[in-house]
Amino acid sequence: MHKTIQVIHDEHSSISAMLQSMNLMIERGPKDNPRLFFDVLKAMLFYIEEFPERLHHPKESKYFFPAVLKHSPELNETVDSLEHEHQRSSNMGKDLQHLLLAWELLGESRKPAFIKAAQEYLNFYFNHMHIEHTVIIPQALKTLSASEWAAIDFHFASNVDPLSYSKGEDATFNHLFTTITNHAPAPIGLGDD
């Protein structure tokens, strides 16, 4: 398998696990520990903004999608839609962070708006990844040359998911990693909250 495809699959798996855990947390609610609940959800939303939005999507947009379009101009509308979604997802995430903070600080009256926006966000993200896996990746596998793959693979090889860091590798994300994995439910975490 090409490095780019492996990286995209791995990163989409991490993003999916994060979104599934986020959904489970939202379904369970704050229970008797609202501070931990809100802190973990904020950490999860920060992770999505910090990693997929700032590293994963830009590399797809700059290196992967143009290579596919070079051979498959019939996918122009699909790629345009994915590019628009890349821009939209960051705004949706920031809006969701605001709605979460409103729920935390202003109380239960703000919960329904967050729940509705969170469900839209989760559906949006899962659909986006589905299109990449069912349309873009298969077309890339059919059409890109070995030299094109090598060029794209070079750029994707440097992607490192912050949640995959082991202690000592890069301490920058250790607190984020610990907060999410110790308290979020499976599949991303070890906690029950």
Protein backbone atom coordinates (compact mmCIF):
# COMPACT_ATOMS: atom_id res chain seq x y z
CA MET A 1 0.00 0.00 0.00
CA HIS A 2 1.20 3.51 -0.78
CA LYS A 3 2.31 5.55 2.23
CA THR A 4 -0.26 8.26 1.45
CA ILE A 5 -3.12 5.76 1.46
CA GLN A 6 -1.88 4.19 4.70
CA VAL A 7 -1.58 7.62 6.35
CA ILE A 8 -5.05 8.67 5.18
CA HIS A 9 -6.56 5.38 6.40
CA ASP A 10 -4.76 5.61 9.76
CA GLU A 11 -5.70 9.25 10.25
CA HIS A 12 -9.31 8.66 9.27
CA SER A 13 -9.39 5.76 11.74
CA SER A 14 -8.11 8.06 14.50
CA ILE A 15 -10.58 10.79 13.57
CA SER A 16 -13.45 8.26 13.42
CA ALA A 17 -12.53 6.85 16.82
CA MET A 18 -12.41 10.36 18.26
CA LEU A 19 -15.81 11.23 16.78
CA GLN A 20 -17.36 7.96 18.01
CA SER A 21 -16.01 8.54 21.53
CA MET A 22 -17.24 12.12 21.42
CA ASN A 23 -20.69 10.87 20.45
CA LEU A 24 -20.70 8.37 23.33
CA MET A 25 -19.69 11.08 25.77
CA ILE A 26 -22.45 13.36 24.54
CA GLU A 27 -25.02 10.55 24.83
CA ARG A 28 -23.92 9.81 28.42
CA GLY A 29 -23.80 13.46 29.42
CA PRO A 30 -21.95 15.08 32.32
CA LYS A 31 -23.35 12.72 34.98
CA ASP A 32 -21.84 13.62 38.36
CA ASN A 33 -18.61 15.10 36.98
CA PRO A 34 -19.49 18.00 34.66
CA ARG A 35 -16.05 19.58 34.84
CA LEU A 36 -14.35 16.41 33.55
CA PHE A 37 -17.06 15.96 30.90
CA PHE A 38 -16.61 19.46 29.50
CA ASP A 39 -12.80 19.35 29.77
CA VAL A 40 -12.60 16.10 27.81
CA LEU A 41 -15.03 17.28 25.11
CA LYS A 42 -13.04 20.52 24.76
CA ALA A 43 -9.84 18.47 24.43
CA MET A 44 -11.44 16.31 21.74
CA LEU A 45 -12.62 19.31 19.76
CA PHE A 46 -9.19 20.91 20.14
CA TYR A 47 -7.57 17.72 18.80
CA ILE A 48 -9.79 17.83 15.70
CA GLU A 49 -8.92 21.47 15.10
CA GLU A 50 -5.22 20.97 15.82
CA PHE A 51 -4.60 17.82 13.81
CA PRO A 52 -7.05 17.08 10.97
CA GLU A 53 -7.79 20.72 10.21
CA ARG A 54 -4.19 21.97 10.32
CA LEU A 55 -2.24 18.98 8.98
CA HIS A 56 -4.40 16.30 7.42
CA HIS A 57 -6.76 18.39 5.27
CA PRO A 58 -4.11 20.79 3.91
CA LYS A 59 -1.99 17.89 2.63
CA GLU A 60 -4.97 16.30 0.93
CA SER A 61 -5.81 19.65 -0.66
CA LYS A 62 -2.28 20.56 -1.72
CA TYR A 63 -0.87 17.20 -2.87
CA PHE A 64 -3.44 14.41 -3.14
CA PHE A 65 -6.51 15.97 -4.72
CA PRO A 66 -4.61 17.84 -7.49
CA ALA A 67 -2.82 14.65 -8.52
CA VAL A 68 -6.13 12.79 -8.78
CA LEU A 69 -7.74 15.63 -10.77
CA LYS A 70 -4.85 15.68 -13.22
CA HIS A 71 -5.96 12.23 -14.41
CA SER A 72 -9.65 12.40 -13.54
CA PRO A 73 -11.12 15.81 -14.36
CA GLU A 74 -14.58 14.25 -14.17
CA LEU A 75 -14.12 14.33 -10.37
CA ASN A 76 -13.74 18.10 -10.34
CA GLU A 77 -17.18 18.65 -8.78
CA THR A 78 -16.53 16.02 -6.11
CA VAL A 79 -13.13 17.48 -5.25
CA ASP A 80 -14.56 21.01 -5.19
CA SER A 81 -17.17 19.78 -2.73
CA LEU A 82 -14.50 18.11 -0.55
CA GLU A 83 -12.40 21.28 -0.61
CA HIS A 84 -15.40 23.34 0.45
CA GLU A 85 -16.00 20.84 3.24
CA HIS A 86 -12.38 21.21 4.39
CA GLN A 87 -12.99 24.93 4.80
CA ARG A 88 -16.40 24.44 6.35
CA SER A 89 -15.31 21.78 8.88
CA SER A 90 -12.98 24.15 10.72
CA ASN A 91 -15.77 26.71 11.08
CA MET A 92 -18.19 24.04 12.23
CA GLY A 93 -15.67 22.86 14.83
CA LYS A 94 -15.17 26.38 16.16
CA ASP A 95 -18.93 26.91 16.33
CA LEU A 96 -19.26 23.62 18.19
CA GLN A 97 -16.58 24.69 20.68
CA HIS A 98 -18.55 27.90 21.29
CA LEU A 99 -21.81 25.99 21.78
CA LEU A 100 -20.09 23.61 24.21
CA LEU A 101 -18.74 26.54 26.21
CA ALA A 102 -22.21 28.11 26.23
CA TRP A 103 -23.67 24.87 27.61
CA GLU A 104 -20.94 24.67 30.24
CA LEU A 105 -21.17 28.29 31.37
CA LEU A 106 -24.84 29.13 30.79
CA GLY A 107 -26.45 25.82 31.63
CA GLU A 108 -28.92 23.29 30.33
CA SER A 109 -30.87 25.77 28.21
CA ARG A 110 -27.88 25.75 25.83
CA LYS A 111 -27.59 21.96 25.67
CA PRO A 112 -30.08 21.37 22.78
CA ALA A 113 -28.22 23.71 20.43
CA PHE A 114 -24.94 21.92 21.17
CA ILE A 115 -26.50 18.45 20.74
CA LYS A 116 -28.04 19.40 17.38
CA ALA A 117 -24.81 20.98 16.09
CA ALA A 118 -22.72 18.04 17.35
CA GLN A 119 -24.88 15.53 15.47
CA GLU A 120 -24.65 17.59 12.28
CA TYR A 121 -20.87 17.84 12.73
CA LEU A 122 -20.44 14.08 13.27
CA ASN A 123 -22.61 13.22 10.25
CA PHE A 124 -20.79 15.79 8.14
CA TYR A 125 -17.34 14.41 9.06
CA PHE A 126 -18.26 10.75 8.56
CA ASN A 127 -19.81 11.51 5.15
CA HIS A 128 -16.73 13.51 4.12
CA MET A 129 -14.38 10.63 4.93
CA HIS A 130 -16.73 8.16 3.21
CA ILE A 131 -16.52 10.09 -0.08
CA GLU A 132 -12.73 10.16 0.11
CA HIS A 133 -12.62 6.39 0.70
CA THR A 134 -15.20 5.37 -1.87
CA VAL A 135 -14.50 7.84 -4.68
CA ILE A 136 -11.13 9.61 -4.44
CA ILE A 137 -8.86 6.85 -3.13
CA PRO A 138 -10.08 4.18 -5.60
CA GLN A 139 -9.60 6.61 -8.48
CA ALA A 140 -6.11 7.51 -7.27
CA LEU A 141 -5.18 3.84 -7.07
CA LYS A 142 -6.32 3.35 -10.67
CA THR A 143 -4.67 6.39 -12.22
CA LEU A 144 -1.58 7.69 -10.40
CA SER A 145 1.88 6.66 -11.58
CA ALA A 146 4.66 5.36 -9.34
CA SER A 147 6.50 8.69 -9.55
CA GLU A 148 3.33 10.60 -8.62
CA TRP A 149 2.80 8.32 -5.63
CA ALA A 150 6.41 8.82 -4.56
CA ALA A 151 6.01 12.60 -4.61
CA ILE A 152 2.76 12.52 -2.64
CA ASP A 153 4.07 9.88 -0.22
CA PHE A 154 7.02 12.13 0.59
CA HIS A 155 4.67 14.82 1.91
CA PHE A 156 2.35 12.47 3.79
CA ALA A 157 5.19 10.56 5.45
CA SER A 158 5.77 13.44 7.86
CA ASN A 159 2.21 13.36 9.25
CA VAL A 160 2.21 12.34 12.90
CA ASP A 161 -1.05 12.13 14.78
CA PRO A 162 -0.58 13.88 18.15
CA LEU A 163 -2.39 11.04 19.89
CA SER A 164 0.12 8.52 18.56
CA TYR A 165 3.11 10.14 20.28
CA SER A 166 4.73 8.05 22.95
CA LYS A 167 6.18 9.67 26.03
CA GLY A 168 9.54 11.22 25.29
CA GLU A 169 8.92 11.53 21.55
CA ASP A 170 7.34 14.96 21.67
CA ALA A 171 5.99 16.21 24.98
CA THR A 172 3.92 18.93 23.30
CA PHE A 173 0.80 16.79 23.12
CA ASN A 174 1.29 14.62 26.23
CA HIS A 175 -1.32 16.51 28.29
CA LEU A 176 -3.84 16.37 25.44
CA PHE A 177 -3.15 12.66 24.97
CA THR A 178 -3.51 11.96 28.69
CA THR A 179 -6.70 13.99 29.08
CA ILE A 180 -8.44 12.29 26.19
CA THR A 181 -7.26 8.71 26.61
CA ASN A 182 -7.71 8.54 30.39
CA HIS A 183 -11.23 9.91 30.42
CA ALA A 184 -12.89 9.44 27.03
CA PRO A 185 -14.83 6.24 26.37
CA ALA A 186 -13.65 3.58 23.92
CA PRO A 187 -12.75 3.40 21.10
CA ILE A 188 -10.36 6.32 21.74
CA GLY A 189 -10.04 6.23 25.52
CA LEU A 190 -9.97 4.11 28.62
CA GLY A 191 -12.53 5.95 30.71
CA ASP A 192 -16.18 5.34 31.37
CA ASP A 193 -17.15 9.03 31.51
